PDB file of N, CA and C in Angstrom:
ATOM      1  N   MET A   1     174.812  73.195 128.058  1.00  0.00           N
ATOM      2  CA  MET A   1     174.515  73.532 129.446  1.00  0.00           C
ATOM      3  C   MET A   1     173.001  73.597 129.630  1.00  0.00           C
ATOM      4  N   THR A   2     172.511  73.056 130.717  1.00  0.00           N
ATOM      5  CA  THR A   2     171.083  73.027 131.014  1.00  0.00           C
ATOM      6  C   THR A   2     170.676  74.351 131.656  1.00  0.00           C
ATOM      7  N   GLU A   3     169.497  74.835 131.263  1.00  0.00           N
ATOM      8  CA  GLU A   3     168.982  76.068 131.862  1.00  0.00           C
ATOM      9  C   GLU A   3     168.725  75.847 133.344  1.00  0.00           C
ATOM     10  N   PRO A   4     168.883  76.928 134.143  1.00  0.00           N
ATOM     11  CA  PRO A   4     168.582  76.781 135.578  1.00  0.00           C
ATOM     12  C   PRO A   4     167.127  76.373 135.783  1.00  0.00           C
ATOM     13  N   GLY A   5     166.904  75.414 136.640  1.00  0.00           N
ATOM     14  CA  GLY A   5     165.550  74.960 136.953  1.00  0.00           C
ATOM     15  C   GLY A   5     165.067  73.821 136.074  1.00  0.00           C
ATOM     16  N   VAL A   6     165.614  73.676 134.874  1.00  0.00           N
ATOM     17  CA  VAL A   6     165.159  72.617 133.969  1.00  0.00           C
ATOM     18  C   VAL A   6     165.528  71.244 134.528  1.00  0.00           C
ATOM     19  N   GLU A   7     166.746  71.135 135.057  1.00  0.00           N
ATOM     20  CA  GLU A   7     167.190  69.864 135.611  1.00  0.00           C
ATOM     21  C   GLU A   7     166.310  69.463 136.794  1.00  0.00           C
ATOM     22  N   ASP A   8     165.971  70.433 137.650  1.00  0.00           N
ATOM     23  CA  ASP A   8     165.096  70.136 138.781  1.00  0.00           C
ATOM     24  C   ASP A   8     163.706  69.732 138.313  1.00  0.00           C
ATOM     25  N   ALA A   9     163.205  70.396 137.279  1.00  0.00           N
ATOM     26  CA  ALA A   9     161.878  70.047 136.751  1.00  0.00           C
ATOM     27  C   ALA A   9     161.885  68.632 136.189  1.00  0.00           C
ATOM     28  N   THR A  10     162.960  68.257 135.522  1.00  0.00           N
ATOM     29  CA  THR A  10     163.059  66.902 134.975  1.00  0.00           C
ATOM     30  C   THR A  10     163.109  65.880 136.106  1.00  0.00           C
ATOM     31  N   ARG A  11     163.831  66.192 137.151  1.00  0.00           N
ATOM     32  CA  ARG A  11     163.879  65.274 138.306  1.00  0.00           C
ATOM     33  C   ARG A  11     162.487  65.104 138.906  1.00  0.00           C
ATOM     34  N   ARG A  12     161.777  66.218 139.081  1.00  0.00           N
ATOM     35  CA  ARG A  12     160.423  66.142 139.646  1.00  0.00           C
ATOM     36  C   ARG A  12     159.506  65.337 138.737  1.00  0.00           C
ATOM     37  N   THR A  13     159.652  65.502 137.433  1.00  0.00           N
ATOM     38  CA  THR A  13     158.816  64.769 136.490  1.00  0.00           C
ATOM     39  C   THR A  13     159.134  63.277 136.551  1.00  0.00           C
ATOM     40  N   ARG A  14     160.394  62.941 136.671  1.00  0.00           N
ATOM     41  CA  ARG A  14     160.756  61.517 136.790  1.00  0.00           C
ATOM     42  C   ARG A  14     160.203  60.912 138.080  1.00  0.00           C
ATOM     43  N   LEU A  15     160.268  61.663 139.167  1.00  0.00           N
ATOM     44  CA  LEU A  15     159.699  61.175 140.424  1.00  0.00           C
ATOM     45  C   LEU A  15     158.183  61.035 140.321  1.00  0.00           C
ATOM     46  N   ALA A  16     157.535  61.972 139.635  1.00  0.00           N
ATOM     47  CA  ALA A  16     156.087  61.863 139.422  1.00  0.00           C
ATOM     48  C   ALA A  16     155.772  60.631 138.584  1.00  0.00           C
ATOM     49  N   ASN A  17     156.612  60.349 137.610  1.00  0.00           N
ATOM     50  CA  ASN A  17     156.419  59.167 136.780  1.00  0.00           C
ATOM     51  C   ASN A  17     156.548  57.894 137.624  1.00  0.00           C
ATOM     52  N   GLU A  18     157.489  57.886 138.567  1.00  0.00           N
ATOM     53  CA  GLU A  18     157.627  56.737 139.460  1.00  0.00           C
ATOM     54  C   GLU A  18     156.382  56.571 140.331  1.00  0.00           C
ATOM     55  N   ARG A  19     155.853  57.676 140.848  1.00  0.00           N
ATOM     56  CA  ARG A  19     154.640  57.592 141.667  1.00  0.00           C
ATOM     57  C   ARG A  19     153.457  57.095 140.837  1.00  0.00           C
ATOM     58  N   THR A  20     153.388  57.537 139.602  1.00  0.00           N
ATOM     59  CA  THR A  20     152.308  57.089 138.721  1.00  0.00           C
ATOM     60  C   THR A  20     152.441  55.597 138.433  1.00  0.00           C
ATOM     61  N   TYR A  21     153.664  55.134 138.245  1.00  0.00           N
ATOM     62  CA  TYR A  21     153.890  53.698 138.034  1.00  0.00           C
ATOM     63  C   TYR A  21     153.401  52.895 139.244  1.00  0.00           C
ATOM     64  N   LEU A  22     153.680  53.397 140.432  1.00  0.00           N
ATOM     65  CA  LEU A  22     153.195  52.715 141.636  1.00  0.00           C
ATOM     66  C   LEU A  22     151.672  52.719 141.687  1.00  0.00           C
ATOM     67  N   ALA A  23     151.046  53.771 141.194  1.00  0.00           N
ATOM     68  CA  ALA A  23     149.578  53.815 141.136  1.00  0.00           C
ATOM     69  C   ALA A  23     149.049  52.751 140.169  1.00  0.00           C
ATOM     70  N   TRP A  24     149.724  52.575 139.030  1.00  0.00           N
ATOM     71  CA  TRP A  24     149.345  51.498 138.108  1.00  0.00           C
ATOM     72  C   TRP A  24     149.433  50.162 138.836  1.00  0.00           C
ATOM     73  N   TRP A  25     150.507  49.948 139.606  1.00  0.00           N
ATOM     74  CA  TRP A  25     150.674  48.705 140.352  1.00  0.00           C
ATOM     75  C   TRP A  25     149.561  48.521 141.367  1.00  0.00           C
ATOM     76  N   ARG A  26     149.254  49.576 142.134  1.00  0.00           N
ATOM     77  CA  ARG A  26     148.172  49.458 143.127  1.00  0.00           C
ATOM     78  C   ARG A  26     146.859  49.095 142.457  1.00  0.00           C
ATOM     79  N   THR A  27     146.578  49.716 141.331  1.00  0.00           N
ATOM     80  CA  THR A  27     145.335  49.436 140.620  1.00  0.00           C
ATOM     81  C   THR A  27     145.315  48.006 140.092  1.00  0.00           C
ATOM     82  N   GLY A  28     146.432  47.563 139.526  1.00  0.00           N
ATOM     83  CA  GLY A  28     146.507  46.190 139.023  1.00  0.00           C
ATOM     84  C   GLY A  28     146.342  45.163 140.124  1.00  0.00           C
ATOM     85  N   ILE A  29     147.010  45.385 141.251  1.00  0.00           N
ATOM     86  CA  ILE A  29     146.901  44.460 142.375  1.00  0.00           C
ATOM     87  C   ILE A  29     145.482  44.467 142.936  1.00  0.00           C
ATOM     88  N   ALA A  30     144.869  45.648 143.013  1.00  0.00           N
ATOM     89  CA  ALA A  30     143.487  45.727 143.502  1.00  0.00           C
ATOM     90  C   ALA A  30     142.549  44.947 142.586  1.00  0.00           C
ATOM     91  N   SER A  31     142.766  45.060 141.283  1.00  0.00           N
ATOM     92  CA  SER A  31     141.931  44.324 140.334  1.00  0.00           C
ATOM     93  C   SER A  31     142.124  42.813 140.503  1.00  0.00           C
ATOM     94  N   LEU A  32     143.348  42.378 140.732  1.00  0.00           N
ATOM     95  CA  LEU A  32     143.595  40.952 140.978  1.00  0.00           C
ATOM     96  C   LEU A  32     142.896  40.497 142.258  1.00  0.00           C
ATOM     97  N   ALA A  33     142.944  41.335 143.292  1.00  0.00           N
ATOM     98  CA  ALA A  33     142.280  40.979 144.553  1.00  0.00           C
ATOM     99  C   ALA A  33     140.771  40.907 144.378  1.00  0.00           C
ATOM    100  N   VAL A  34     140.202  41.827 143.602  1.00  0.00           N
ATOM    101  CA  VAL A  34     138.762  41.786 143.327  1.00  0.00           C
ATOM    102  C   VAL A  34     138.424  40.497 142.573  1.00  0.00           C
ATOM    103  N   GLY A  35     139.297  40.124 141.642  1.00  0.00           N
ATOM    104  CA  GLY A  35     139.082  38.882 140.896  1.00  0.00           C
ATOM    105  C   GLY A  35     139.039  37.669 141.805  1.00  0.00           C
ATOM    106  N   ILE A  36     139.937  37.618 142.783  1.00  0.00           N
ATOM    107  CA  ILE A  36     139.929  36.507 143.744  1.00  0.00           C
ATOM    108  C   ILE A  36     138.644  36.535 144.566  1.00  0.00           C
ATOM    109  N   GLY A  37     138.281  37.729 145.019  1.00  0.00           N
ATOM    110  CA  GLY A  37     137.077  37.849 145.840  1.00  0.00           C
ATOM    111  C   GLY A  37     135.822  37.425 145.112  1.00  0.00           C
ATOM    112  N   ILE A  38     135.662  37.913 143.898  1.00  0.00           N
ATOM    113  CA  ILE A  38     134.452  37.588 143.133  1.00  0.00           C
ATOM    114  C   ILE A  38     134.492  36.153 142.621  1.00  0.00           C
ATOM    115  N   GLY A  39     135.644  35.737 142.114  1.00  0.00           N
ATOM    116  CA  GLY A  39     135.728  34.433 141.461  1.00  0.00           C
ATOM    117  C   GLY A  39     135.865  33.242 142.388  1.00  0.00           C
ATOM    118  N   ARG A  40     136.458  33.456 143.584  1.00  0.00           N
ATOM    119  CA  ARG A  40     136.701  32.313 144.476  1.00  0.00           C
ATOM    120  C   ARG A  40     135.947  32.387 145.794  1.00  0.00           C
ATOM    121  N   LEU A  41     135.776  33.570 146.335  1.00  0.00           N
ATOM    122  CA  LEU A  41     135.154  33.679 147.653  1.00  0.00           C
ATOM    123  C   LEU A  41     133.639  33.812 147.579  1.00  0.00           C
ATOM    124  N   LEU A  42     133.147  34.653 146.694  1.00  0.00           N
ATOM    125  CA  LEU A  42     131.703  34.869 146.608  1.00  0.00           C
ATOM    126  C   LEU A  42     130.897  33.645 146.188  1.00  0.00           C
ATOM    127  N   PRO A  43     131.360  32.839 145.246  1.00  0.00           N
ATOM    128  CA  PRO A  43     130.538  31.689 144.850  1.00  0.00           C
ATOM    129  C   PRO A  43     130.206  30.762 146.015  1.00  0.00           C
ATOM    130  N   ASP A  44     131.112  30.640 146.962  1.00  0.00           N
ATOM    131  CA  ASP A  44     130.864  29.756 148.102  1.00  0.00           C
ATOM    132  C   ASP A  44     129.808  30.314 149.047  1.00  0.00           C
ATOM    133  N   THR A  45     129.668  31.623 149.090  1.00  0.00           N
ATOM    134  CA  THR A  45     128.693  32.236 150.001  1.00  0.00           C
ATOM    135  C   THR A  45     127.371  32.568 149.318  1.00  0.00           C
ATOM    136  N   ALA A  46     127.398  32.738 147.989  1.00  0.00           N
ATOM    137  CA  ALA A  46     126.189  33.170 147.278  1.00  0.00           C
ATOM    138  C   ALA A  46     125.240  32.017 146.989  1.00  0.00           C
ATOM    139  N   GLY A  47     125.758  30.828 146.849  1.00  0.00           N
ATOM    140  CA  GLY A  47     124.910  29.711 146.460  1.00  0.00           C
ATOM    141  C   GLY A  47     124.561  29.805 144.982  1.00  0.00           C
ATOM    142  N   GLY A  48     123.990  28.786 144.455  1.00  0.00           N
ATOM    143  CA  GLY A  48     123.625  28.785 143.043  1.00  0.00           C
ATOM    144  C   GLY A  48     124.825  28.504 142.146  1.00  0.00           C
ATOM    145  N   ALA A  49     124.688  28.904 140.906  1.00  0.00           N
ATOM    146  CA  ALA A  49     125.724  28.642 139.904  1.00  0.00           C
ATOM    147  C   ALA A  49     126.995  29.435 140.226  1.00  0.00           C
ATOM    148  N   LYS A  50     128.130  28.761 140.126  1.00  0.00           N
ATOM    149  CA  LYS A  50     129.408  29.407 140.403  1.00  0.00           C
ATOM    150  C   LYS A  50     130.008  30.086 139.182  1.00  0.00           C
ATOM    151  N   TRP A  51     129.671  29.579 137.988  1.00  0.00           N
ATOM    152  CA  TRP A  51     130.367  30.041 136.790  1.00  0.00           C
ATOM    153  C   TRP A  51     130.220  31.541 136.521  1.00  0.00           C
ATOM    154  N   PRO A  52     129.083  32.202 136.802  1.00  0.00           N
ATOM    155  CA  PRO A  52     129.046  33.648 136.525  1.00  0.00           C
ATOM    156  C   PRO A  52     130.066  34.418 137.371  1.00  0.00           C
ATOM    157  N   TYR A  53     130.231  34.014 138.622  1.00  0.00           N
ATOM    158  CA  TYR A  53     131.202  34.657 139.507  1.00  0.00           C
ATOM    159  C   TYR A  53     132.626  34.398 139.013  1.00  0.00           C
ATOM    160  N   GLU A  54     132.851  33.173 138.578  1.00  0.00           N
ATOM    161  CA  GLU A  54     134.182  32.817 138.083  1.00  0.00           C
ATOM    162  C   GLU A  54     134.529  33.600 136.823  1.00  0.00           C
ATOM    163  N   VAL A  55     133.558  33.777 135.928  1.00  0.00           N
ATOM    164  CA  VAL A  55     133.804  34.523 134.688  1.00  0.00           C
ATOM    165  C   VAL A  55     134.160  35.975 135.000  1.00  0.00           C
ATOM    166  N   VAL A  56     133.384  36.611 135.872  1.00  0.00           N
ATOM    167  CA  VAL A  56     133.667  38.005 136.223  1.00  0.00           C
ATOM    168  C   VAL A  56     134.992  38.093 136.984  1.00  0.00           C
ATOM    169  N   GLY A  57     135.258  37.132 137.865  1.00  0.00           N
ATOM    170  CA  GLY A  57     136.520  37.120 138.599  1.00  0.00           C
ATOM    171  C   GLY A  57     137.719  36.986 137.681  1.00  0.00           C
ATOM    172  N   VAL A  58     137.619  36.091 136.704  1.00  0.00           N
ATOM    173  CA  VAL A  58     138.705  35.924 135.732  1.00  0.00           C
ATOM    174  C   VAL A  58     138.876  37.206 134.916  1.00  0.00           C
ATOM    175  N   GLY A  59     137.769  37.853 134.576  1.00  0.00           N
ATOM    176  CA  GLY A  59     137.849  39.130 133.856  1.00  0.00           C
ATOM    177  C   GLY A  59     138.636  40.164 134.641  1.00  0.00           C
ATOM    178  N   PHE A  60     138.371  40.268 135.943  1.00  0.00           N
ATOM    179  CA  PHE A  60     139.129  41.196 136.778  1.00  0.00           C
ATOM    180  C   PHE A  60     140.590  40.777 136.880  1.00  0.00           C
ATOM    181  N   GLY A  61     140.838  39.476 136.881  1.00  0.00           N
ATOM    182  CA  GLY A  61     142.220  39.000 136.893  1.00  0.00           C
ATOM    183  C   GLY A  61     142.971  39.422 135.645  1.00  0.00           C
ATOM    184  N   PHE A  62     142.352  39.232 134.483  1.00  0.00           N
ATOM    185  CA  PHE A  62     142.989  39.652 133.237  1.00  0.00           C
ATOM    186  C   PHE A  62     143.171  41.167 133.182  1.00  0.00           C
ATOM    187  N   LEU A  63     142.174  41.899 133.672  1.00  0.00           N
ATOM    188  CA  LEU A  63     142.302  43.354 133.706  1.00  0.00           C
ATOM    189  C   LEU A  63     143.472  43.760 134.601  1.00  0.00           C
ATOM    190  N   GLY A  64     143.615  43.111 135.751  1.00  0.00           N
ATOM    191  CA  GLY A  64     144.732  43.417 136.632  1.00  0.00           C
ATOM    192  C   GLY A  64     146.075  43.181 135.974  1.00  0.00           C
ATOM    193  N   LEU A  65     146.207  42.051 135.276  1.00  0.00           N
ATOM    194  CA  LEU A  65     147.462  41.771 134.564  1.00  0.00           C
ATOM    195  C   LEU A  65     147.712  42.797 133.471  1.00  0.00           C
ATOM    196  N   ALA A  66     146.655  43.152 132.741  1.00  0.00           N
ATOM    197  CA  ALA A  66     146.796  44.146 131.674  1.00  0.00           C
ATOM    198  C   ALA A  66     147.228  45.495 132.242  1.00  0.00           C
ATOM    199  N   ILE A  67     146.671  45.876 133.367  1.00  0.00           N
ATOM    200  CA  ILE A  67     147.033  47.157 133.988  1.00  0.00           C
ATOM    201  C   ILE A  67     148.503  47.153 134.389  1.00  0.00           C
ATOM    202  N   LEU A  68     148.999  46.048 134.908  1.00  0.00           N
ATOM    203  CA  LEU A  68     150.421  45.972 135.263  1.00  0.00           C
ATOM    204  C   LEU A  68     151.304  46.152 134.029  1.00  0.00           C
ATOM    205  N   VAL A  69     150.943  45.505 132.931  1.00  0.00           N
ATOM    206  CA  VAL A  69     151.726  45.614 131.697  1.00  0.00           C
ATOM    207  C   VAL A  69     151.637  47.030 131.127  1.00  0.00           C
ATOM    208  N   VAL A  70     150.425  47.577 131.081  1.00  0.00           N
ATOM    209  CA  VAL A  70     150.225  48.918 130.535  1.00  0.00           C
ATOM    210  C   VAL A  70     150.987  49.942 131.374  1.00  0.00           C
ATOM    211  N   GLY A  71     150.974  49.785 132.695  1.00  0.00           N
ATOM    212  CA  GLY A  71     151.699  50.704 133.564  1.00  0.00           C
ATOM    213  C   GLY A  71     153.185  50.703 133.283  1.00  0.00           C
ATOM    214  N   LEU A  72     153.751  49.532 133.075  1.00  0.00           N
ATOM    215  CA  LEU A  72     155.175  49.444 132.750  1.00  0.00           C
ATOM    216  C   LEU A  72     155.465  50.105 131.406  1.00  0.00           C
ATOM    217  N   ARG A  73     154.652  49.801 130.409  1.00  0.00           N
ATOM    218  CA  ARG A  73     154.868  50.396 129.078  1.00  0.00           C
ATOM    219  C   ARG A  73     154.743  51.914 129.130  1.00  0.00           C
ATOM    220  N   ARG A  74     153.744  52.400 129.855  1.00  0.00           N
ATOM    221  CA  ARG A  74     153.532  53.846 129.965  1.00  0.00           C
ATOM    222  C   ARG A  74     154.719  54.511 130.665  1.00  0.00           C
ATOM    223  N   THR A  75     155.197  53.888 131.737  1.00  0.00           N
ATOM    224  CA  THR A  75     156.341  54.439 132.461  1.00  0.00           C
ATOM    225  C   THR A  75     157.566  54.509 131.558  1.00  0.00           C
ATOM    226  N   ARG A  76     157.804  53.455 130.796  1.00  0.00           N
ATOM    227  CA  ARG A  76     158.951  53.454 129.872  1.00  0.00           C
ATOM    228  C   ARG A  76     158.794  54.510 128.787  1.00  0.00           C
ATOM    229  N   ASP A  77     157.591  54.665 128.252  1.00  0.00           N
ATOM    230  CA  ASP A  77     157.352  55.685 127.225  1.00  0.00           C
ATOM    231  C   ASP A  77     157.628  57.090 127.752  1.00  0.00           C
ATOM    232  N   VAL A  78     157.186  57.349 128.974  1.00  0.00           N
ATOM    233  CA  VAL A  78     157.419  58.666 129.566  1.00  0.00           C
ATOM    234  C   VAL A  78     158.911  58.886 129.803  1.00  0.00           C
ATOM    235  N   GLU A  79     159.606  57.876 130.290  1.00  0.00           N
ATOM    236  CA  GLU A  79     161.050  58.012 130.513  1.00  0.00           C
ATOM    237  C   GLU A  79     161.794  58.286 129.207  1.00  0.00           C
ATOM    238  N   LYS A  80     161.440  57.577 128.146  1.00  0.00           N
ATOM    239  CA  LYS A  80     162.078  57.812 126.844  1.00  0.00           C
ATOM    240  C   LYS A  80     161.795  59.217 126.351  1.00  0.00           C
ATOM    241  N   ALA A  81     160.557  59.684 126.537  1.00  0.00           N
ATOM    242  CA  ALA A  81     160.207  61.040 126.118  1.00  0.00           C
ATOM    243  C   ALA A  81     161.003  62.067 126.917  1.00  0.00           C
ATOM    244  N   LEU A  82     161.170  61.836 128.199  1.00  0.00           N
ATOM    245  CA  LEU A  82     161.970  62.755 129.005  1.00  0.00           C
ATOM    246  C   LEU A  82     163.421  62.787 128.535  1.00  0.00           C
ATOM    247  N   ASP A  83     163.958  61.630 128.176  1.00  0.00           N
ATOM    248  CA  ASP A  83     165.323  61.588 127.648  1.00  0.00           C
ATOM    249  C   ASP A  83     165.466  62.408 126.374  1.00  0.00           C
ATOM    250  N   ARG A  84     164.400  62.419 125.558  1.00  0.00           N
ATOM    251  CA  ARG A  84     164.415  63.193 124.309  1.00  0.00           C
ATOM    252  C   ARG A  84     164.033  64.651 124.531  1.00  0.00           C
ATOM    253  N   GLY A  85     163.528  64.958 125.711  1.00  0.00           N
ATOM    254  CA  GLY A  85     163.059  66.311 125.982  1.00  0.00           C
ATOM    255  C   GLY A  85     161.700  66.578 125.374  1.00  0.00           C
ATOM    256  N   SER A  86     160.880  65.525 125.236  1.00  0.00           N
ATOM    257  CA  SER A  86     159.559  65.680 124.629  1.00  0.00           C
ATOM    258  C   SER A  86     158.487  65.130 125.573  1.00  0.00           C
ATOM    259  N   TYR A  87     157.303  64.959 125.044  1.00  0.00           N
ATOM    260  CA  TYR A  87     156.139  64.512 125.809  1.00  0.00           C
ATOM    261  C   TYR A  87     155.600  63.231 125.193  1.00  0.00           C
ATOM    262  N   ALA A  88     155.091  62.336 126.032  1.00  0.00           N
ATOM    263  CA  ALA A  88     154.511  61.076 125.555  1.00  0.00           C
ATOM    264  C   ALA A  88     153.022  61.057 125.887  1.00  0.00           C
ATOM    265  N   PRO A  89     152.176  61.435 124.931  1.00  0.00           N
ATOM    266  CA  PRO A  89     150.734  61.417 125.214  1.00  0.00           C
ATOM    267  C   PRO A  89     150.216  59.991 125.375  1.00  0.00           C
ATOM    268  N   VAL A  90     149.147  59.871 126.144  1.00  0.00           N
ATOM    269  CA  VAL A  90     148.521  58.563 126.332  1.00  0.00           C
ATOM    270  C   VAL A  90     147.728  58.223 125.075  1.00  0.00           C
ATOM    271  N   SER A  91     147.792  56.987 124.675  1.00  0.00           N
ATOM    272  CA  SER A  91     147.056  56.528 123.498  1.00  0.00           C
ATOM    273  C   SER A  91     145.557  56.546 123.766  1.00  0.00           C
ATOM    274  N   ALA A  92     144.819  57.194 122.876  1.00  0.00           N
ATOM    275  CA  ALA A  92     143.359  57.220 123.008  1.00  0.00           C
ATOM    276  C   ALA A  92     142.795  55.810 122.902  1.00  0.00           C
ATOM    277  N   GLY A  93     143.387  54.961 122.079  1.00  0.00           N
ATOM    278  CA  GLY A  93     142.937  53.577 121.949  1.00  0.00           C
ATOM    279  C   GLY A  93     143.106  52.812 123.251  1.00  0.00           C
ATOM    280  N   LEU A  94     144.224  53.039 123.923  1.00  0.00           N
ATOM    281  CA  LEU A  94     144.469  52.382 125.204  1.00  0.00           C
ATOM    282  C   LEU A  94     143.434  52.809 126.227  1.00  0.00           C
ATOM    283  N   LEU A  95     143.178  54.098 126.318  1.00  0.00           N
ATOM    284  CA  LEU A  95     142.178  54.583 127.267  1.00  0.00           C
ATOM    285  C   LEU A  95     140.795  54.032 126.947  1.00  0.00           C
ATOM    286  N   THR A  96     140.467  53.964 125.671  1.00  0.00           N
ATOM    287  CA  THR A  96     139.175  53.408 125.263  1.00  0.00           C
ATOM    288  C   THR A  96     139.071  51.944 125.668  1.00  0.00           C
ATOM    289  N   TRP A  97     140.142  51.182 125.463  1.00  0.00           N
ATOM    290  CA  TRP A  97     140.151  49.766 125.826  1.00  0.00           C
ATOM    291  C   TRP A  97     139.954  49.591 127.326  1.00  0.00           C
ATOM    292  N   LEU A  98     140.671  50.387 128.139  1.00  0.00           N
ATOM    293  CA  LEU A  98     140.549  50.268 129.587  1.00  0.00           C
ATOM    294  C   LEU A  98     139.140  50.631 130.064  1.00  0.00           C
ATOM    295  N   VAL A  99     138.565  51.682 129.479  1.00  0.00           N
ATOM    296  CA  VAL A  99     137.202  52.066 129.859  1.00  0.00           C
ATOM    297  C   VAL A  99     136.218  50.970 129.445  1.00  0.00           C
ATOM    298  N   ALA A 100     136.389  50.419 128.257  1.00  0.00           N
ATOM    299  CA  ALA A 100     135.488  49.354 127.788  1.00  0.00           C
ATOM    300  C   ALA A 100     135.567  48.141 128.716  1.00  0.00           C
ATOM    301  N   ALA A 101     136.785  47.763 129.096  1.00  0.00           N
ATOM    302  CA  ALA A 101     136.944  46.622 130.007  1.00  0.00           C
ATOM    303  C   ALA A 101     136.278  46.912 131.347  1.00  0.00           C
ATOM    304  N   GLY A 102     136.454  48.130 131.848  1.00  0.00           N
ATOM    305  CA  GLY A 102     135.823  48.509 133.104  1.00  0.00           C
ATOM    306  C   GLY A 102     134.309  48.496 133.020  1.00  0.00           C
ATOM    307  N   LEU A 103     133.774  48.961 131.898  1.00  0.00           N
ATOM    308  CA  LEU A 103     132.324  48.961 131.719  1.00  0.00           C
ATOM    309  C   LEU A 103     131.769  47.537 131.661  1.00  0.00           C
ATOM    310  N   VAL A 104     132.432  46.673 130.912  1.00  0.00           N
ATOM    311  CA  VAL A 104     131.972  45.283 130.802  1.00  0.00           C
ATOM    312  C   VAL A 104     132.004  44.607 132.168  1.00  0.00           C
ATOM    313  N   LEU A 105     133.100  44.789 132.900  1.00  0.00           N
ATOM    314  CA  LEU A 105     133.192  44.167 134.214  1.00  0.00           C
ATOM    315  C   LEU A 105     132.210  44.798 135.200  1.00  0.00           C
ATOM    316  N   GLY A 106     131.991  46.097 135.078  1.00  0.00           N
ATOM    317  CA  GLY A 106     131.008  46.754 135.929  1.00  0.00           C
ATOM    318  C   GLY A 106     129.606  46.222 135.698  1.00  0.00           C
ATOM    319  N   VAL A 107     129.257  46.010 134.440  1.00  0.00           N
ATOM    320  CA  VAL A 107     127.953  45.417 134.120  1.00  0.00           C
ATOM    321  C   VAL A 107     127.878  43.997 134.682  1.00  0.00           C
ATOM    322  N   GLY A 108     128.998  43.266 134.609  1.00  0.00           N
ATOM    323  CA  GLY A 108     129.029  41.909 135.183  1.00  0.00           C
ATOM    324  C   GLY A 108     128.782  41.924 136.683  1.00  0.00           C
ATOM    325  N   VAL A 109     129.396  42.878 137.367  1.00  0.00           N
ATOM    326  CA  VAL A 109     129.195  42.987 138.822  1.00  0.00           C
ATOM    327  C   VAL A 109     127.753  43.349 139.134  1.00  0.00           C
ATOM    328  N   ILE A 110     127.189  44.283 138.382  1.00  0.00           N
ATOM    329  CA  ILE A 110     125.782  44.657 138.592  1.00  0.00           C
ATOM    330  C   ILE A 110     124.874  43.451 138.363  1.00  0.00           C
ATOM    331  N   ALA A 111     125.140  42.681 137.319  1.00  0.00           N
ATOM    332  CA  ALA A 111     124.341  41.481 137.041  1.00  0.00           C
ATOM    333  C   ALA A 111     124.451  40.482 138.192  1.00  0.00           C
ATOM    334  N   LEU A 112     125.661  40.321 138.740  1.00  0.00           N
ATOM    335  CA  LEU A 112     125.821  39.401 139.867  1.00  0.00           C
ATOM    336  C   LEU A 112     125.028  39.879 141.095  1.00  0.00           C
ATOM    337  N   VAL A 113     125.033  41.180 141.314  1.00  0.00           N
ATOM    338  CA  VAL A 113     124.317  41.722 142.457  1.00  0.00           C
ATOM    339  C   VAL A 113     122.804  41.537 142.272  1.00  0.00           C
ATOM    340  N   LEU A 114     122.331  41.805 141.079  1.00  0.00           N
ATOM    341  CA  LEU A 114     120.894  41.728 140.824  1.00  0.00           C
ATOM    342  C   LEU A 114     120.371  40.306 140.677  1.00  0.00           C
ATOM    343  N   PHE A 115     121.152  39.451 140.024  1.00  0.00           N
ATOM    344  CA  PHE A 115     120.635  38.123 139.659  1.00  0.00           C
ATOM    345  C   PHE A 115     121.406  36.958 140.267  1.00  0.00           C
ATOM    346  N   GLY A 116     122.534  37.239 140.947  1.00  0.00           N
ATOM    347  CA  GLY A 116     123.406  36.174 141.443  1.00  0.00           C
ATOM    348  C   GLY A 116     122.936  35.494 142.674  1.00  0.00           C
TER     349      GLY A 116
END
């Protein structure tokens, strides 16, 4: 028998996990849109070499795809942990990778602004 309130807490946690999954999707889609903007739209208006814009745009595209995959994996990990009655911590390596990708792309955007 489940303790009173535990079932409701699990339901709320599952709903929070669904909202978090949607946030991963929004972030991934936003990254894909930024990739299109930088890689396809800006080169036509900026003049000069197109390849730096395309490289940064493709980087944002790959980051967007990675975020979609990571969001799905994270959501599944949390659901499995809830089924077991445990917790699924986020991988420090995953967070480091995402921050590194963001930093590299951020430097690329700054370079485009300064030198593009």
